Amino acid sequence: MTPLFPREAFDIGPGVAHLCCGGEPPWLRSHSMAVARYAEHRNGGFTGRDLMDAEVLAVRGLMAREWGVALAEIGFVASVADGCAMLGESLDLPPGCNVVAADIEYSSVLGGFALRPGVEMRIGQGLAGLPALVDARTRAILVSDISQLTGEAADLPALRALA
C-alpha cells in the first residue's frame, strides 16, 4: 500500500504508530508552516488580513481549476459548524418534518437543524439506531462519515437508500 504522505511529512516521533482515528489525523510538518504563516498574518493588522485574503483567493483558484468550475463557485466556511449551520438554514424544512441524527454525532452538525421552529430532531442510539427513526416526514439524516467518538464508519449507501 502506498501512503498518501511519506512518514517524513509528519512530526511523529520514532516508534509511534498513529491510527488516525476519526477526525484527528497526525500533524503534518506543512501544518506547522501554515499555522506560523497564519499567525504572522494575524499579527499584521490590515496588511496581514489582506495577505490572508490573498492566500484564500489563491487556494480557491487552485480548487476551481482542479474541479473545472468558475472561481465564484468556490467558497470556504470558517468551520464545519458554520457550514452545517448554513446548510441547516438553507434547506426547506416545513413544520412537522423531522431530522435524524445519532447520539454520537458532532454537536456542531446538529445546531443549524435543532433550532429550526417546528422541526422535530430525532436522536438515535448510535448509527444502528438511525433506520428506525426515518419515516416519510424525514428531511435530513445527519451523519459524519466517521464518528469522532467511536471511530465507527457510517454505511453511507445504506443511509442514502433510507432517504
C-alpha atoms as a PDB file:
ATOM      1  CA  MET A   1       0.000   0.000   0.000  1.00  0.00           C
ATOM      2  CA  THR A   2       1.322   3.438  -0.912  1.00  0.00           C
ATOM      3  CA  PRO A   3       0.640   6.062   1.764  1.00  0.00           C
ATOM      4  CA  LEU A   4      -0.785   9.428   0.790  1.00  0.00           C
ATOM      5  CA  PHE A   5       2.126  11.154   2.565  1.00  0.00           C
ATOM      6  CA  PRO A   6       5.568   9.770   3.434  1.00  0.00           C
ATOM      7  CA  ARG A   7       6.335   9.331   7.143  1.00  0.00           C
ATOM      8  CA  GLU A   8       8.854  12.189   6.934  1.00  0.00           C
ATOM      9  CA  ALA A   9       5.982  14.595   6.180  1.00  0.00           C
ATOM     10  CA  PHE A  10       4.725  14.186   9.762  1.00  0.00           C
ATOM     11  CA  ASP A  11       6.001  15.277  13.164  1.00  0.00           C
ATOM     12  CA  ILE A  12       5.627  11.776  14.626  1.00  0.00           C
ATOM     13  CA  GLY A  13       8.321  10.505  16.950  1.00  0.00           C
ATOM     14  CA  PRO A  14      10.208   7.270  16.281  1.00  0.00           C
ATOM     15  CA  GLY A  15       8.405   4.110  17.357  1.00  0.00           C
ATOM     16  CA  VAL A  16       4.974   5.792  17.345  1.00  0.00           C
ATOM     17  CA  ALA A  17       2.136   4.363  15.254  1.00  0.00           C
ATOM     18  CA  HIS A  18      -0.734   6.805  14.674  1.00  0.00           C
ATOM     19  CA  LEU A  19      -4.007   5.093  13.804  1.00  0.00           C
ATOM     20  CA  CYS A  20      -5.687   8.266  12.529  1.00  0.00           C
ATOM     21  CA  CYS A  21      -8.968   7.679  14.349  1.00  0.00           C
ATOM     22  CA  GLY A  22     -11.934   9.840  13.415  1.00  0.00           C
ATOM     23  CA  GLY A  23     -11.174  13.466  12.718  1.00  0.00           C
ATOM     24  CA  GLU A  24      -7.785  13.579  14.433  1.00  0.00           C
ATOM     25  CA  PRO A  25      -5.094  12.767  11.872  1.00  0.00           C
ATOM     26  CA  PRO A  26      -1.427  13.224  12.707  1.00  0.00           C
ATOM     27  CA  TRP A  27       0.075  16.687  12.300  1.00  0.00           C
ATOM     28  CA  LEU A  28       1.886  17.311   9.024  1.00  0.00           C
ATOM     29  CA  ARG A  29       5.027  19.450   9.065  1.00  0.00           C
ATOM     30  CA  SER A  30       3.304  21.645   6.471  1.00  0.00           C
ATOM     31  CA  HIS A  31       0.562  22.287   9.050  1.00  0.00           C
ATOM     32  CA  SER A  32       3.138  23.899  11.323  1.00  0.00           C
ATOM     33  CA  MET A  33       4.347  26.127   8.493  1.00  0.00           C
ATOM     34  CA  ALA A  34       0.769  27.127   7.615  1.00  0.00           C
ATOM     35  CA  VAL A  35      -0.087  27.934  11.245  1.00  0.00           C
ATOM     36  CA  ALA A  36       3.081  30.033  11.570  1.00  0.00           C
ATOM     37  CA  ARG A  37       2.176  31.922   8.377  1.00  0.00           C
ATOM     38  CA  TYR A  38      -1.384  32.428   9.672  1.00  0.00           C
ATOM     39  CA  ALA A  39      -0.055  33.795  12.987  1.00  0.00           C
ATOM     40  CA  GLU A  40       2.259  36.163  11.125  1.00  0.00           C
ATOM     41  CA  HIS A  41      -0.633  37.436   9.001  1.00  0.00           C
ATOM     42  CA  ARG A  42      -2.947  37.637  12.012  1.00  0.00           C
ATOM     43  CA  ASN A  43      -0.440  39.828  13.837  1.00  0.00           C
ATOM     44  CA  GLY A  44      -0.010  42.039  10.756  1.00  0.00           C
ATOM     45  CA  GLY A  45      -3.155  44.111  11.171  1.00  0.00           C
ATOM     46  CA  PHE A  46      -4.956  45.134   7.997  1.00  0.00           C
ATOM     47  CA  THR A  47      -1.949  44.249   5.844  1.00  0.00           C
ATOM     48  CA  GLY A  48      -1.956  40.767   7.369  1.00  0.00           C
ATOM     49  CA  ARG A  49      -5.690  40.431   6.712  1.00  0.00           C
ATOM     50  CA  ASP A  50      -5.080  41.325   3.071  1.00  0.00           C
ATOM     51  CA  LEU A  51      -2.348  38.660   2.892  1.00  0.00           C
ATOM     52  CA  MET A  52      -4.722  36.046   4.385  1.00  0.00           C
ATOM     53  CA  ASP A  53      -7.416  37.007   1.887  1.00  0.00           C
ATOM     54  CA  ALA A  54      -4.889  36.667  -0.960  1.00  0.00           C
ATOM     55  CA  GLU A  55      -3.987  33.143   0.212  1.00  0.00           C
ATOM     56  CA  VAL A  56      -7.654  32.147   0.388  1.00  0.00           C
ATOM     57  CA  LEU A  57      -8.193  33.527  -3.121  1.00  0.00           C
ATOM     58  CA  ALA A  58      -5.184  31.569  -4.421  1.00  0.00           C
ATOM     59  CA  VAL A  59      -6.497  28.318  -2.925  1.00  0.00           C
ATOM     60  CA  ARG A  60      -9.971  28.996  -4.333  1.00  0.00           C
ATOM     61  CA  GLY A  61      -8.323  29.444  -7.733  1.00  0.00           C
ATOM     62  CA  LEU A  62      -6.471  26.138  -7.415  1.00  0.00           C
ATOM     63  CA  MET A  63      -9.685  24.334  -6.484  1.00  0.00           C
ATOM     64  CA  ALA A  64     -11.669  25.993  -9.271  1.00  0.00           C
ATOM     65  CA  ARG A  65      -9.109  24.876 -11.852  1.00  0.00           C
ATOM     66  CA  GLU A  66      -8.930  21.356 -10.398  1.00  0.00           C
ATOM     67  CA  TRP A  67     -12.719  20.970 -10.387  1.00  0.00           C
ATOM     68  CA  GLY A  68     -13.264  22.781 -13.699  1.00  0.00           C
ATOM     69  CA  VAL A  69     -15.607  25.425 -12.264  1.00  0.00           C
ATOM     70  CA  ALA A  70     -15.636  29.207 -12.021  1.00  0.00           C
ATOM     71  CA  LEU A  71     -13.786  30.844  -9.143  1.00  0.00           C
ATOM     72  CA  ALA A  72     -17.082  32.349  -7.946  1.00  0.00           C
ATOM     73  CA  GLU A  73     -18.412  28.826  -7.359  1.00  0.00           C
ATOM     74  CA  ILE A  74     -15.752  28.057  -4.731  1.00  0.00           C
ATOM     75  CA  GLY A  75     -16.231  29.291  -1.202  1.00  0.00           C
ATOM     76  CA  PHE A  76     -14.980  28.361   2.237  1.00  0.00           C
ATOM     77  CA  VAL A  77     -16.604  28.475   5.625  1.00  0.00           C
ATOM     78  CA  ALA A  78     -14.758  29.243   8.832  1.00  0.00           C
ATOM     79  CA  SER A  79     -15.539  25.858  10.361  1.00  0.00           C
ATOM     80  CA  VAL A  80     -17.566  22.695   9.937  1.00  0.00           C
ATOM     81  CA  ALA A  81     -20.050  24.155  12.423  1.00  0.00           C
ATOM     82  CA  ASP A  82     -20.521  27.225  10.198  1.00  0.00           C
ATOM     83  CA  GLY A  83     -21.007  25.056   7.122  1.00  0.00           C
ATOM     84  CA  CYS A  84     -23.546  22.825   8.848  1.00  0.00           C
ATOM     85  CA  ALA A  85     -25.397  25.853  10.201  1.00  0.00           C
ATOM     86  CA  MET A  86     -25.553  27.333   6.692  1.00  0.00           C
ATOM     87  CA  LEU A  87     -26.821  24.044   5.319  1.00  0.00           C
ATOM     88  CA  GLY A  88     -29.443  23.762   8.058  1.00  0.00           C
ATOM     89  CA  GLU A  89     -30.656  27.289   7.389  1.00  0.00           C
ATOM     90  CA  SER A  90     -30.797  26.797   3.615  1.00  0.00           C
ATOM     91  CA  LEU A  91     -32.936  23.658   3.492  1.00  0.00           C
ATOM     92  CA  ASP A  92     -36.705  23.784   3.146  1.00  0.00           C
ATOM     93  CA  LEU A  93     -37.759  22.274   6.468  1.00  0.00           C
ATOM     94  CA  PRO A  94     -41.508  22.774   6.851  1.00  0.00           C
ATOM     95  CA  PRO A  95     -43.212  22.482  10.231  1.00  0.00           C
ATOM     96  CA  GLY A  96     -43.979  18.850  11.048  1.00  0.00           C
ATOM     97  CA  CYS A  97     -40.923  17.390   9.344  1.00  0.00           C
ATOM     98  CA  ASN A  98     -38.068  15.712  11.179  1.00  0.00           C
ATOM     99  CA  VAL A  99     -34.298  15.459  11.059  1.00  0.00           C
ATOM    100  CA  VAL A 100     -32.490  12.307  12.216  1.00  0.00           C
ATOM    101  CA  ALA A 101     -29.039  12.035  13.828  1.00  0.00           C
ATOM    102  CA  ALA A 102     -27.141   9.649  16.076  1.00  0.00           C
ATOM    103  CA  ASP A 103     -26.183  10.431  19.658  1.00  0.00           C
ATOM    104  CA  ILE A 104     -22.539  10.035  18.604  1.00  0.00           C
ATOM    105  CA  GLU A 105     -22.729  12.858  16.048  1.00  0.00           C
ATOM    106  CA  TYR A 106     -20.713  16.067  16.366  1.00  0.00           C
ATOM    107  CA  SER A 107     -22.888  18.566  18.205  1.00  0.00           C
ATOM    108  CA  SER A 108     -21.829  21.229  15.692  1.00  0.00           C
ATOM    109  CA  VAL A 109     -23.601  19.272  12.938  1.00  0.00           C
ATOM    110  CA  LEU A 110     -26.905  19.417  14.809  1.00  0.00           C
ATOM    111  CA  GLY A 111     -27.050  23.116  15.716  1.00  0.00           C
ATOM    112  CA  GLY A 112     -28.365  24.539  12.445  1.00  0.00           C
ATOM    113  CA  PHE A 113     -31.143  21.973  12.417  1.00  0.00           C
ATOM    114  CA  ALA A 114     -32.055  21.722  16.100  1.00  0.00           C
ATOM    115  CA  LEU A 115     -33.011  25.384  16.297  1.00  0.00           C
ATOM    116  CA  ARG A 116     -35.439  25.342  13.371  1.00  0.00           C
ATOM    117  CA  PRO A 117     -39.012  26.038  14.554  1.00  0.00           C
ATOM    118  CA  GLY A 118     -41.462  23.199  14.025  1.00  0.00           C
ATOM    119  CA  VAL A 119     -38.774  20.666  13.088  1.00  0.00           C
ATOM    120  CA  GLU A 120     -38.546  17.535  15.220  1.00  0.00           C
ATOM    121  CA  MET A 121     -34.987  16.455  15.995  1.00  0.00           C
ATOM    122  CA  ARG A 122     -34.795  12.667  16.374  1.00  0.00           C
ATOM    123  CA  ILE A 123     -31.696  11.256  18.036  1.00  0.00           C
ATOM    124  CA  GLY A 124     -30.910   7.554  17.655  1.00  0.00           C
ATOM    125  CA  GLN A 125     -28.668   5.412  19.793  1.00  0.00           C
ATOM    126  CA  GLY A 126     -25.522   5.077  17.684  1.00  0.00           C
ATOM    127  CA  LEU A 127     -25.564   4.670  13.928  1.00  0.00           C
ATOM    128  CA  ALA A 128     -27.546   1.447  14.272  1.00  0.00           C
ATOM    129  CA  GLY A 129     -30.420   3.444  15.787  1.00  0.00           C
ATOM    130  CA  LEU A 130     -30.953   5.665  12.736  1.00  0.00           C
ATOM    131  CA  PRO A 131     -33.048   3.442  10.424  1.00  0.00           C
ATOM    132  CA  ALA A 132     -35.893   3.069  12.937  1.00  0.00           C
ATOM    133  CA  LEU A 133     -36.257   6.862  13.148  1.00  0.00           C
ATOM    134  CA  VAL A 134     -36.583   7.581   9.425  1.00  0.00           C
ATOM    135  CA  ASP A 135     -40.090   7.994   8.016  1.00  0.00           C
ATOM    136  CA  ALA A 136     -41.905   9.838   5.222  1.00  0.00           C
ATOM    137  CA  ARG A 137     -41.502  13.159   7.091  1.00  0.00           C
ATOM    138  CA  THR A 138     -37.694  12.854   7.421  1.00  0.00           C
ATOM    139  CA  ARG A 139     -35.975  15.661   5.519  1.00  0.00           C
ATOM    140  CA  ALA A 140     -32.363  15.020   6.526  1.00  0.00           C
ATOM    141  CA  ILE A 141     -30.206  12.277   8.003  1.00  0.00           C
ATOM    142  CA  LEU A 142     -27.239  13.960   9.687  1.00  0.00           C
ATOM    143  CA  VAL A 143     -24.204  11.724   9.871  1.00  0.00           C
ATOM    144  CA  SER A 144     -20.436  12.036   9.738  1.00  0.00           C
ATOM    145  CA  ASP A 145     -18.520   9.555   7.621  1.00  0.00           C
ATOM    146  CA  ILE A 146     -16.501   8.587  10.711  1.00  0.00           C
ATOM    147  CA  SER A 147     -17.694   9.188  14.286  1.00  0.00           C
ATOM    148  CA  GLN A 148     -15.305  11.303  16.340  1.00  0.00           C
ATOM    149  CA  LEU A 149     -16.470   9.484  19.480  1.00  0.00           C
ATOM    150  CA  THR A 150     -16.337   5.855  18.407  1.00  0.00           C
ATOM    151  CA  GLY A 151     -14.377   5.755  15.142  1.00  0.00           C
ATOM    152  CA  GLU A 152     -17.360   3.902  13.648  1.00  0.00           C
ATOM    153  CA  ALA A 153     -17.798   4.313   9.892  1.00  0.00           C
ATOM    154  CA  ALA A 154     -21.297   5.155   8.692  1.00  0.00           C
ATOM    155  CA  ASP A 155     -22.759   2.982   5.935  1.00  0.00           C
ATOM    156  CA  LEU A 156     -23.473   5.925   3.650  1.00  0.00           C
ATOM    157  CA  PRO A 157     -25.005   3.887   0.778  1.00  0.00           C
ATOM    158  CA  ALA A 158     -27.459   2.253   3.207  1.00  0.00           C
ATOM    159  CA  LEU A 159     -28.375   5.633   4.706  1.00  0.00           C
ATOM    160  CA  ARG A 160     -28.871   7.102   1.231  1.00  0.00           C
ATOM    161  CA  ALA A 161     -31.229   4.228   0.449  1.00  0.00           C
ATOM    162  CA  LEU A 162     -33.279   5.118   3.547  1.00  0.00           C
ATOM    163  CA  ALA A 163     -33.582   8.705   2.403  1.00  0.00           C
END
